[in-house]
N, C-alpha and C. Protein backbone atom coordinates (compact mmCIF):
# COMPACT_ATOMS: atom_id res chain seq x y z
N UNK A 1 20.30 75.70 150.20
CA UNK A 1 20.08 75.33 148.82
C UNK A 1 20.19 76.55 147.91
N UNK A 2 19.58 77.66 148.36
CA UNK A 2 19.65 78.88 147.59
C UNK A 2 21.10 79.35 147.47
N UNK A 3 21.88 79.18 148.56
CA UNK A 3 23.28 79.62 148.54
C UNK A 3 24.09 78.79 147.54
N UNK A 4 23.83 77.49 147.49
CA UNK A 4 24.56 76.61 146.56
C UNK A 4 24.18 76.96 145.12
N UNK A 5 22.91 77.18 144.87
CA UNK A 5 22.46 77.54 143.54
C UNK A 5 23.04 78.89 143.12
N UNK A 6 23.04 79.83 144.05
CA UNK A 6 23.61 81.14 143.78
C UNK A 6 25.11 81.03 143.51
N UNK A 7 25.80 80.18 144.27
CA UNK A 7 27.23 79.96 144.07
C UNK A 7 27.50 79.34 142.70
N UNK A 8 26.70 78.34 142.29
CA UNK A 8 26.86 77.72 140.98
C UNK A 8 26.59 78.71 139.85
N UNK A 9 25.56 79.52 139.99
CA UNK A 9 25.26 80.52 138.97
C UNK A 9 26.38 81.55 138.87
N UNK A 10 26.92 81.94 140.01
CA UNK A 10 28.02 82.90 140.03
C UNK A 10 29.24 82.32 139.34
N UNK A 11 29.57 81.06 139.66
CA UNK A 11 30.71 80.41 139.03
C UNK A 11 30.51 80.27 137.52
N UNK A 12 29.31 79.91 137.12
CA UNK A 12 29.03 79.79 135.69
C UNK A 12 29.13 81.15 135.00
N UNK A 13 28.63 82.17 135.68
CA UNK A 13 28.70 83.50 135.08
C UNK A 13 30.15 83.95 134.92
N UNK A 14 30.97 83.74 135.96
CA UNK A 14 32.38 84.11 135.86
C UNK A 14 33.10 83.25 134.83
N UNK A 15 32.74 81.98 134.78
CA UNK A 15 33.35 81.10 133.78
C UNK A 15 32.99 81.53 132.37
N UNK A 16 31.74 81.92 132.18
CA UNK A 16 31.31 82.38 130.86
C UNK A 16 32.01 83.69 130.50
N UNK A 17 32.14 84.57 131.48
CA UNK A 17 32.84 85.82 131.21
C UNK A 17 34.30 85.57 130.88
N UNK A 18 34.88 84.65 131.62
CA UNK A 18 36.28 84.34 131.36
C UNK A 18 36.42 83.73 129.96
N UNK A 19 35.46 82.87 129.62
CA UNK A 19 35.52 82.24 128.30
C UNK A 19 35.36 83.29 127.21
N UNK A 20 34.43 84.21 127.40
CA UNK A 20 34.23 85.27 126.42
C UNK A 20 35.47 86.16 126.37
N UNK A 21 36.03 86.46 127.55
CA UNK A 21 37.21 87.31 127.61
C UNK A 21 38.39 86.66 126.89
N UNK A 22 38.52 85.34 127.00
CA UNK A 22 39.62 84.65 126.33
C UNK A 22 39.45 84.65 124.82
N UNK A 23 38.23 84.74 124.36
CA UNK A 23 37.99 84.66 122.93
C UNK A 23 37.99 86.03 122.25
N UNK A 24 37.83 87.08 122.98
CA UNK A 24 37.71 88.40 122.39
C UNK A 24 39.04 89.14 122.53
N UNK A 25 39.72 89.25 121.42
CA UNK A 25 40.97 90.01 121.37
C UNK A 25 40.96 90.87 120.13
N UNK A 26 41.47 92.05 120.27
CA UNK A 26 41.60 92.92 119.12
C UNK A 26 42.97 92.68 118.53
N UNK A 27 43.00 92.06 117.38
CA UNK A 27 44.26 91.71 116.74
C UNK A 27 44.21 92.19 115.29
N UNK A 28 44.47 93.48 115.05
CA UNK A 28 44.35 94.00 113.69
C UNK A 28 45.49 93.51 112.81
N UNK A 29 45.24 93.49 111.52
CA UNK A 29 46.30 93.15 110.57
C UNK A 29 47.31 94.28 110.54
N UNK A 30 48.56 93.91 110.30
CA UNK A 30 49.63 94.91 110.25
C UNK A 30 49.41 95.83 109.05
N UNK A 31 49.66 97.10 109.25
CA UNK A 31 49.61 98.05 108.14
C UNK A 31 50.90 97.89 107.35
N UNK A 32 50.82 97.19 106.26
CA UNK A 32 52.01 96.86 105.49
C UNK A 32 52.39 98.01 104.57
N UNK A 33 51.50 98.43 103.76
CA UNK A 33 51.72 99.54 102.84
C UNK A 33 50.48 100.42 102.87
N UNK A 34 50.62 101.66 102.48
CA UNK A 34 49.41 102.46 102.32
C UNK A 34 48.45 101.76 101.34
N UNK A 35 47.19 101.79 101.67
CA UNK A 35 46.22 101.00 100.90
C UNK A 35 46.07 101.45 99.46
N UNK A 36 46.40 102.68 99.16
CA UNK A 36 46.25 103.16 97.78
C UNK A 36 47.35 102.62 96.86
N UNK A 37 48.40 102.03 97.43
CA UNK A 37 49.48 101.48 96.59
C UNK A 37 49.11 100.07 96.15
N UNK A 38 48.80 99.95 94.88
CA UNK A 38 48.46 98.65 94.29
C UNK A 38 49.36 98.33 93.10
N UNK A 39 49.97 99.37 92.53
CA UNK A 39 50.85 99.18 91.37
C UNK A 39 52.20 99.79 91.69
N UNK A 40 53.25 99.01 91.46
CA UNK A 40 54.59 99.52 91.78
C UNK A 40 55.50 99.42 90.57
N UNK A 41 56.55 100.22 90.62
CA UNK A 41 57.57 100.21 89.58
C UNK A 41 58.91 99.98 90.26
N UNK A 42 59.73 99.13 89.65
CA UNK A 42 61.08 98.88 90.15
C UNK A 42 62.03 99.61 89.21
N UNK A 43 62.64 100.67 89.74
CA UNK A 43 63.63 101.40 88.95
C UNK A 43 64.87 100.55 88.77
N UNK A 44 65.57 100.70 87.66
CA UNK A 44 66.84 99.98 87.51
C UNK A 44 67.79 100.37 88.64
N UNK A 45 68.40 99.36 89.24
CA UNK A 45 69.34 99.61 90.33
C UNK A 45 70.53 100.42 89.82
N UNK A 46 71.09 101.24 90.67
CA UNK A 46 72.27 102.02 90.34
C UNK A 46 73.48 101.28 90.89
N UNK A 47 74.51 101.17 90.08
CA UNK A 47 75.72 100.46 90.47
C UNK A 47 76.78 101.47 90.90
N UNK A 48 77.10 101.51 92.19
CA UNK A 48 78.11 102.42 92.72
C UNK A 48 79.48 101.74 92.86
N UNK A 49 79.60 100.53 92.34
CA UNK A 49 80.87 99.81 92.42
C UNK A 49 81.58 99.88 91.07
N UNK A 50 82.73 99.27 91.00
CA UNK A 50 83.51 99.27 89.76
C UNK A 50 83.30 98.01 88.94
N UNK A 51 82.44 97.12 89.39
CA UNK A 51 82.16 95.89 88.65
C UNK A 51 81.05 96.18 87.65
N UNK A 52 81.30 95.87 86.40
CA UNK A 52 80.39 96.19 85.31
C UNK A 52 79.13 95.32 85.35
N UNK A 53 77.98 95.95 85.14
CA UNK A 53 76.68 95.31 84.90
C UNK A 53 76.16 94.47 86.06
N UNK A 54 76.46 94.82 87.29
CA UNK A 54 75.88 94.12 88.43
C UNK A 54 74.38 94.39 88.54
N UNK A 55 74.00 95.61 88.23
CA UNK A 55 72.65 96.07 88.51
C UNK A 55 71.60 95.48 87.58
N UNK A 56 71.96 95.10 86.38
CA UNK A 56 70.98 94.63 85.40
C UNK A 56 70.26 93.36 85.87
N UNK A 57 71.04 92.36 86.21
CA UNK A 57 70.43 91.08 86.62
C UNK A 57 69.73 91.19 87.97
N UNK A 58 70.24 92.04 88.84
CA UNK A 58 69.57 92.26 90.13
C UNK A 58 68.19 92.87 89.91
N UNK A 59 68.10 93.87 89.06
CA UNK A 59 66.81 94.51 88.77
C UNK A 59 65.83 93.49 88.19
N UNK A 60 66.29 92.69 87.24
CA UNK A 60 65.42 91.66 86.64
C UNK A 60 64.95 90.65 87.66
N UNK A 61 65.83 90.24 88.55
CA UNK A 61 65.47 89.25 89.56
C UNK A 61 64.44 89.81 90.55
N UNK A 62 64.57 91.09 90.93
CA UNK A 62 63.59 91.70 91.83
C UNK A 62 62.23 91.80 91.15
N UNK A 63 62.21 92.21 89.89
CA UNK A 63 60.94 92.28 89.15
C UNK A 63 60.31 90.90 89.04
N UNK A 64 61.11 89.89 88.70
CA UNK A 64 60.59 88.52 88.60
C UNK A 64 60.02 88.03 89.93
N UNK A 65 60.67 88.36 91.03
CA UNK A 65 60.18 87.93 92.34
C UNK A 65 58.85 88.62 92.69
N UNK A 66 58.71 89.90 92.34
CA UNK A 66 57.43 90.58 92.54
C UNK A 66 56.34 89.93 91.69
N UNK A 67 56.68 89.56 90.46
CA UNK A 67 55.70 88.91 89.59
C UNK A 67 55.31 87.54 90.14
N UNK A 68 56.28 86.78 90.65
CA UNK A 68 55.97 85.47 91.25
C UNK A 68 55.08 85.63 92.47
N UNK A 69 55.33 86.65 93.27
CA UNK A 69 54.54 86.88 94.48
C UNK A 69 53.11 87.29 94.14
N UNK A 70 52.94 88.18 93.19
CA UNK A 70 51.61 88.56 92.72
C UNK A 70 50.82 89.52 93.60
N UNK A 71 51.41 90.06 94.66
CA UNK A 71 50.68 90.98 95.54
C UNK A 71 50.47 92.36 94.93
N UNK A 72 51.38 92.76 94.06
CA UNK A 72 51.30 94.08 93.44
C UNK A 72 51.49 93.95 91.93
N UNK A 73 50.86 94.85 91.19
CA UNK A 73 51.08 94.92 89.76
C UNK A 73 52.39 95.63 89.50
N UNK A 74 53.15 95.16 88.54
CA UNK A 74 54.39 95.81 88.14
C UNK A 74 54.09 96.59 86.87
N UNK A 75 54.29 97.91 86.92
CA UNK A 75 53.92 98.78 85.80
C UNK A 75 55.04 99.79 85.55
N UNK A 76 54.86 100.59 84.51
CA UNK A 76 55.80 101.69 84.24
C UNK A 76 55.68 102.74 85.35
N UNK A 77 56.72 103.54 85.49
CA UNK A 77 56.74 104.49 86.61
C UNK A 77 55.62 105.51 86.55
N UNK A 78 55.22 105.94 85.35
CA UNK A 78 54.15 106.93 85.25
C UNK A 78 52.78 106.39 85.65
N UNK A 79 52.61 105.07 85.68
CA UNK A 79 51.34 104.45 86.09
C UNK A 79 51.38 103.94 87.53
N UNK A 80 52.53 103.97 88.18
CA UNK A 80 52.71 103.34 89.50
C UNK A 80 52.26 104.26 90.63
N UNK A 81 51.82 103.62 91.74
CA UNK A 81 51.52 104.33 92.98
C UNK A 81 52.75 104.40 93.88
N UNK A 82 53.63 103.40 93.73
CA UNK A 82 54.83 103.33 94.54
C UNK A 82 56.03 102.94 93.69
N UNK A 83 57.22 103.37 94.13
CA UNK A 83 58.43 103.11 93.37
C UNK A 83 59.49 102.53 94.29
N UNK A 84 60.13 101.46 93.83
CA UNK A 84 61.25 100.87 94.55
C UNK A 84 62.53 101.32 93.86
N UNK A 85 63.42 101.94 94.62
CA UNK A 85 64.69 102.42 94.07
C UNK A 85 65.82 101.84 94.90
N UNK A 86 66.88 101.40 94.22
CA UNK A 86 67.99 100.79 94.95
C UNK A 86 69.34 101.06 94.32
N UNK A 87 70.37 100.87 95.14
CA UNK A 87 71.75 101.05 94.70
C UNK A 87 72.60 99.91 95.23
N UNK A 88 73.52 99.43 94.39
CA UNK A 88 74.54 98.50 94.85
C UNK A 88 75.69 99.36 95.33
N UNK A 89 75.95 99.36 96.63
CA UNK A 89 76.96 100.27 97.16
C UNK A 89 78.26 99.57 97.55
N UNK A 90 78.23 98.25 97.59
CA UNK A 90 79.47 97.53 97.91
C UNK A 90 79.43 96.14 97.31
N UNK A 91 80.53 95.72 96.72
CA UNK A 91 80.66 94.38 96.16
C UNK A 91 82.05 93.86 96.49
N UNK A 92 82.09 92.76 97.24
CA UNK A 92 83.36 92.12 97.58
C UNK A 92 83.27 90.65 97.20
N UNK A 93 84.31 90.15 96.57
CA UNK A 93 84.41 88.73 96.28
C UNK A 93 85.88 88.35 96.49
N UNK A 94 86.14 87.72 97.62
CA UNK A 94 87.53 87.43 98.00
C UNK A 94 87.70 85.96 98.35
N UNK A 95 88.87 85.39 98.02
CA UNK A 95 89.14 84.01 98.43
C UNK A 95 89.33 83.96 99.95
N UNK A 96 88.78 82.93 100.57
CA UNK A 96 88.91 82.77 102.02
C UNK A 96 89.56 81.45 102.41
N UNK A 97 89.74 80.57 101.41
CA UNK A 97 90.37 79.28 101.69
C UNK A 97 91.19 78.86 100.48
N UNK A 98 92.35 78.26 100.74
CA UNK A 98 93.27 77.86 99.68
C UNK A 98 93.65 76.40 99.85
N UNK A 99 94.09 75.77 98.75
CA UNK A 99 94.61 74.40 98.86
C UNK A 99 96.12 74.47 99.14
N UNK A 100 96.78 73.32 99.10
CA UNK A 100 98.21 73.27 99.45
C UNK A 100 99.09 74.00 98.44
N UNK A 101 98.58 74.20 97.23
CA UNK A 101 99.34 74.94 96.20
C UNK A 101 98.97 76.42 96.16
N UNK A 102 98.24 76.88 97.18
CA UNK A 102 97.77 78.26 97.31
C UNK A 102 96.82 78.68 96.19
N UNK A 103 96.04 77.73 95.70
CA UNK A 103 94.99 78.00 94.73
C UNK A 103 93.69 78.20 95.52
N UNK A 104 92.98 79.30 95.28
CA UNK A 104 91.73 79.53 96.02
C UNK A 104 90.70 78.42 95.78
N UNK A 105 90.10 77.95 96.88
CA UNK A 105 89.08 76.90 96.77
C UNK A 105 87.72 77.37 97.28
N UNK A 106 87.71 78.35 98.14
CA UNK A 106 86.44 78.88 98.67
C UNK A 106 86.50 80.41 98.61
N UNK A 107 85.38 80.99 98.18
CA UNK A 107 85.27 82.45 98.07
C UNK A 107 84.14 82.94 98.97
N UNK A 108 84.27 84.18 99.35
CA UNK A 108 83.24 84.86 100.14
C UNK A 108 82.80 86.09 99.37
N UNK A 109 81.51 86.11 99.02
CA UNK A 109 80.94 87.23 98.29
C UNK A 109 80.06 88.03 99.25
N UNK A 110 80.27 89.32 99.29
CA UNK A 110 79.50 90.20 100.15
C UNK A 110 79.01 91.37 99.33
N UNK A 111 77.70 91.61 99.40
CA UNK A 111 77.09 92.71 98.64
C UNK A 111 76.23 93.53 99.60
N UNK A 112 76.31 94.83 99.44
CA UNK A 112 75.56 95.75 100.28
C UNK A 112 74.68 96.62 99.37
N UNK A 113 73.40 96.68 99.68
CA UNK A 113 72.44 97.47 98.90
C UNK A 113 71.84 98.57 99.77
N UNK A 114 71.48 99.64 99.10
CA UNK A 114 70.70 100.71 99.73
C UNK A 114 69.38 100.74 98.99
N UNK A 115 68.26 100.56 99.71
CA UNK A 115 66.96 100.44 99.07
C UNK A 115 65.95 101.34 99.76
N UNK A 116 65.05 101.90 98.97
CA UNK A 116 63.95 102.66 99.56
C UNK A 116 62.71 102.51 98.69
N UNK A 117 61.56 102.60 99.35
CA UNK A 117 60.28 102.51 98.67
C UNK A 117 59.58 103.85 98.83
N UNK A 118 59.19 104.45 97.70
CA UNK A 118 58.64 105.80 97.68
C UNK A 118 57.15 105.75 97.33
N UNK A 119 56.34 106.43 98.12
CA UNK A 119 54.92 106.62 97.82
C UNK A 119 54.83 107.79 96.84
N UNK A 120 54.41 107.53 95.62
CA UNK A 120 54.38 108.59 94.60
C UNK A 120 53.33 109.65 94.88
N UNK A 121 52.27 109.28 95.59
CA UNK A 121 51.21 110.25 95.88
C UNK A 121 51.69 111.33 96.85
N UNK A 122 52.40 110.92 97.89
CA UNK A 122 52.87 111.87 98.90
C UNK A 122 54.33 112.26 98.69
N UNK A 123 55.03 111.56 97.81
CA UNK A 123 56.46 111.77 97.56
C UNK A 123 57.30 111.57 98.83
N UNK A 124 56.84 110.66 99.70
CA UNK A 124 57.57 110.35 100.92
C UNK A 124 58.08 108.92 100.85
N UNK A 125 59.15 108.68 101.57
CA UNK A 125 59.71 107.33 101.65
C UNK A 125 58.88 106.51 102.62
N UNK A 126 58.33 105.40 102.15
CA UNK A 126 57.51 104.52 102.99
C UNK A 126 58.43 103.66 103.86
N UNK A 127 59.44 103.08 103.28
CA UNK A 127 60.45 102.33 104.03
C UNK A 127 61.79 102.46 103.35
N UNK A 128 62.84 102.26 104.15
CA UNK A 128 64.19 102.37 103.63
C UNK A 128 65.10 101.41 104.37
N UNK A 129 65.99 100.78 103.63
CA UNK A 129 67.02 99.92 104.19
C UNK A 129 68.36 100.47 103.70
N UNK A 130 69.10 101.17 104.55
CA UNK A 130 70.33 101.82 104.09
C UNK A 130 71.51 100.87 103.89
N UNK A 131 71.44 99.67 104.45
CA UNK A 131 72.57 98.75 104.33
C UNK A 131 72.08 97.31 104.37
N UNK A 132 71.33 96.92 103.35
CA UNK A 132 70.83 95.56 103.26
C UNK A 132 71.97 94.68 102.74
N UNK A 133 72.38 93.71 103.55
CA UNK A 133 73.60 92.96 103.26
C UNK A 133 73.31 91.48 103.06
N UNK A 134 74.02 90.88 102.12
CA UNK A 134 74.01 89.44 101.89
C UNK A 134 75.45 88.97 101.79
N UNK A 135 75.74 87.87 102.45
CA UNK A 135 77.07 87.25 102.36
C UNK A 135 76.85 85.82 101.87
N UNK A 136 77.61 85.44 100.87
CA UNK A 136 77.46 84.11 100.28
C UNK A 136 78.84 83.49 100.13
N UNK A 137 79.02 82.34 100.73
CA UNK A 137 80.29 81.61 100.63
C UNK A 137 80.09 80.44 99.69
N UNK A 138 81.01 80.28 98.75
CA UNK A 138 80.85 79.21 97.75
C UNK A 138 82.20 78.62 97.39
N UNK A 139 82.15 77.37 96.94
CA UNK A 139 83.36 76.67 96.49
C UNK A 139 83.70 77.07 95.06
N UNK A 140 84.98 77.03 94.74
CA UNK A 140 85.44 77.39 93.40
C UNK A 140 84.89 76.40 92.38
N UNK A 141 84.77 76.86 91.16
CA UNK A 141 84.19 76.03 90.10
C UNK A 141 85.07 74.83 89.75
N UNK A 142 86.33 74.83 90.17
CA UNK A 142 87.22 73.69 89.90
C UNK A 142 86.94 72.51 90.82
N UNK A 143 86.15 72.71 91.85
CA UNK A 143 85.81 71.65 92.80
C UNK A 143 84.45 71.05 92.47
N UNK A 144 84.23 69.78 92.85
CA UNK A 144 82.90 69.19 92.63
C UNK A 144 81.83 69.97 93.39
N UNK A 145 80.77 70.31 92.71
CA UNK A 145 79.68 71.08 93.32
C UNK A 145 79.98 72.56 93.45
N UNK A 146 81.12 73.01 92.95
CA UNK A 146 81.49 74.41 93.02
C UNK A 146 80.75 75.24 91.98
N UNK A 147 80.95 76.54 92.03
CA UNK A 147 80.28 77.41 91.08
C UNK A 147 81.19 78.57 90.70
N UNK A 148 80.84 79.19 89.60
CA UNK A 148 81.59 80.36 89.14
C UNK A 148 81.13 81.59 89.93
N UNK A 149 81.85 82.67 89.77
CA UNK A 149 81.45 83.92 90.43
C UNK A 149 80.09 84.37 89.94
N UNK A 150 79.84 84.22 88.66
CA UNK A 150 78.55 84.61 88.09
C UNK A 150 77.40 83.77 88.68
N UNK A 151 77.60 82.47 88.83
CA UNK A 151 76.57 81.61 89.41
C UNK A 151 76.30 81.99 90.87
N UNK A 152 77.36 82.30 91.61
CA UNK A 152 77.20 82.72 93.00
C UNK A 152 76.44 84.05 93.08
N UNK A 153 76.77 84.94 92.17
CA UNK A 153 76.10 86.24 92.14
C UNK A 153 74.61 86.07 91.84
N UNK A 154 74.27 85.16 90.92
CA UNK A 154 72.86 84.91 90.61
C UNK A 154 72.11 84.41 91.84
N UNK A 155 72.75 83.56 92.63
CA UNK A 155 72.12 83.07 93.86
C UNK A 155 71.93 84.21 94.86
N UNK A 156 72.92 85.08 94.93
CA UNK A 156 72.83 86.25 95.81
C UNK A 156 71.69 87.17 95.38
N UNK A 157 71.53 87.37 94.07
CA UNK A 157 70.44 88.22 93.58
C UNK A 157 69.09 87.62 93.94
N UNK A 158 68.96 86.30 93.84
CA UNK A 158 67.70 85.65 94.23
C UNK A 158 67.42 85.87 95.71
N UNK A 159 68.46 85.76 96.55
CA UNK A 159 68.28 85.99 97.99
C UNK A 159 67.84 87.43 98.26
N UNK A 160 68.50 88.39 97.59
CA UNK A 160 68.13 89.78 97.76
C UNK A 160 66.70 90.03 97.30
N UNK A 161 66.32 89.48 96.16
CA UNK A 161 64.98 89.70 95.63
C UNK A 161 63.92 89.19 96.61
N UNK A 162 64.15 88.03 97.20
CA UNK A 162 63.20 87.50 98.18
C UNK A 162 63.11 88.41 99.40
N UNK A 163 64.25 88.93 99.85
CA UNK A 163 64.25 89.84 101.00
C UNK A 163 63.48 91.13 100.69
N UNK A 164 63.70 91.69 99.51
CA UNK A 164 63.06 92.95 99.13
C UNK A 164 61.55 92.77 99.00
N UNK A 165 61.13 91.69 98.36
CA UNK A 165 59.69 91.44 98.21
C UNK A 165 59.06 91.16 99.58
N UNK A 166 59.73 90.40 100.41
CA UNK A 166 59.22 90.13 101.76
C UNK A 166 59.07 91.42 102.54
N UNK A 167 60.05 92.29 102.44
CA UNK A 167 60.02 93.58 103.14
C UNK A 167 58.85 94.43 102.66
N UNK A 168 58.56 94.37 101.36
CA UNK A 168 57.48 95.16 100.80
C UNK A 168 56.11 94.56 101.12
N UNK A 169 55.99 93.25 100.96
CA UNK A 169 54.69 92.59 101.10
C UNK A 169 54.35 92.29 102.56
N UNK A 170 55.29 91.73 103.31
CA UNK A 170 55.00 91.31 104.69
C UNK A 170 55.13 92.42 105.71
N UNK A 171 55.76 93.51 105.34
CA UNK A 171 55.75 94.65 106.23
C UNK A 171 57.06 94.98 106.88
N UNK A 172 56.98 96.01 107.66
CA UNK A 172 58.14 96.61 108.27
C UNK A 172 58.70 95.70 109.36
N UNK A 173 59.99 95.58 109.41
CA UNK A 173 60.63 94.76 110.41
C UNK A 173 60.82 93.32 109.99
N UNK A 174 60.26 92.92 108.84
CA UNK A 174 60.42 91.53 108.40
C UNK A 174 61.82 91.27 107.88
N UNK A 175 62.49 92.31 107.43
CA UNK A 175 63.87 92.22 106.95
C UNK A 175 64.60 93.41 107.54
N UNK A 176 65.77 93.19 108.06
CA UNK A 176 66.52 94.29 108.65
C UNK A 176 67.91 94.40 108.07
N UNK A 177 68.48 95.56 108.19
CA UNK A 177 69.82 95.77 107.69
C UNK A 177 70.75 96.10 108.85
N UNK A 178 72.03 95.90 108.64
CA UNK A 178 73.01 96.27 109.63
C UNK A 178 73.32 97.74 109.48
N UNK A 179 73.87 98.31 110.52
CA UNK A 179 74.31 99.69 110.43
C UNK A 179 75.48 99.75 109.46
N UNK A 180 75.45 100.70 108.56
CA UNK A 180 76.45 100.74 107.50
C UNK A 180 77.87 100.87 108.05
N UNK A 181 78.03 101.61 109.14
CA UNK A 181 79.37 101.78 109.69
C UNK A 181 79.95 100.45 110.16
N UNK A 182 79.11 99.56 110.68
CA UNK A 182 79.58 98.25 111.11
C UNK A 182 79.85 97.35 109.92
N UNK A 183 78.98 97.43 108.90
CA UNK A 183 79.11 96.54 107.76
C UNK A 183 80.24 96.95 106.83
N UNK A 184 80.55 98.22 106.78
CA UNK A 184 81.58 98.69 105.86
C UNK A 184 82.64 99.43 106.67
N UNK A 185 83.71 98.74 106.99
CA UNK A 185 84.76 99.30 107.82
C UNK A 185 85.49 100.43 107.09
N UNK A 186 85.90 100.18 105.85
CA UNK A 186 86.61 101.18 105.07
C UNK A 186 85.62 101.77 104.06
N UNK A 187 85.14 102.98 104.32
CA UNK A 187 84.12 103.57 103.46
C UNK A 187 84.65 103.96 102.09
N UNK A 188 85.96 104.04 101.92
CA UNK A 188 86.54 104.36 100.62
C UNK A 188 86.59 103.14 99.71
N UNK A 189 86.49 101.96 100.27
CA UNK A 189 86.64 100.72 99.50
C UNK A 189 85.25 100.13 99.26
N UNK A 190 84.81 100.12 98.02
CA UNK A 190 83.49 99.60 97.73
C UNK A 190 83.48 98.45 96.75
N UNK A 191 84.64 98.04 96.25
CA UNK A 191 84.69 96.93 95.31
C UNK A 191 85.99 96.14 95.50
N UNK A 192 85.84 94.85 95.67
CA UNK A 192 87.01 93.97 95.67
C UNK A 192 86.59 92.69 94.95
N UNK A 193 87.35 92.30 93.99
CA UNK A 193 87.12 91.03 93.31
C UNK A 193 88.42 90.27 93.30
N UNK A 194 88.32 89.02 92.92
CA UNK A 194 89.53 88.20 92.94
C UNK A 194 90.48 88.61 91.93
């Protein structure tokens, strides 16, 4: 009887330990940004392509996405703890499909950005994406449901803004870029439009 009682107590003790062991895990939150960064500034993007005024709407869209997210205050650079700086380094918009009269019906837009986030207190780069790429395929505006190049570009800016904010707010590794050498075969060619 004592052996059975001892066996039951032993089993209960191991079961309780196993239950406690299953419930106790150290799962810290990811270190997304240095904790002192609460206010950020988005510098106007630099346009390294030959297409005029690409950077203006992209900068506005990134700022708007940060405001919609609400995780950080958007302030002037002199008041900011962190700074987001970016460049448009490649812009391609080429027809990829034609109709029987050789009129373009589908276009492929490809944009490559270089982005970095700087901690103003330490003057170090917190994160950097050297070749953040978006490819957007769209139908010509002459087709039903098609869009103009400007409309396609606006959609691309929205996609980029979401990626940049996700990268900043959700942390490292949430958005990745391709190696620039793979993404840009001809390094001398940075702009192609129709």
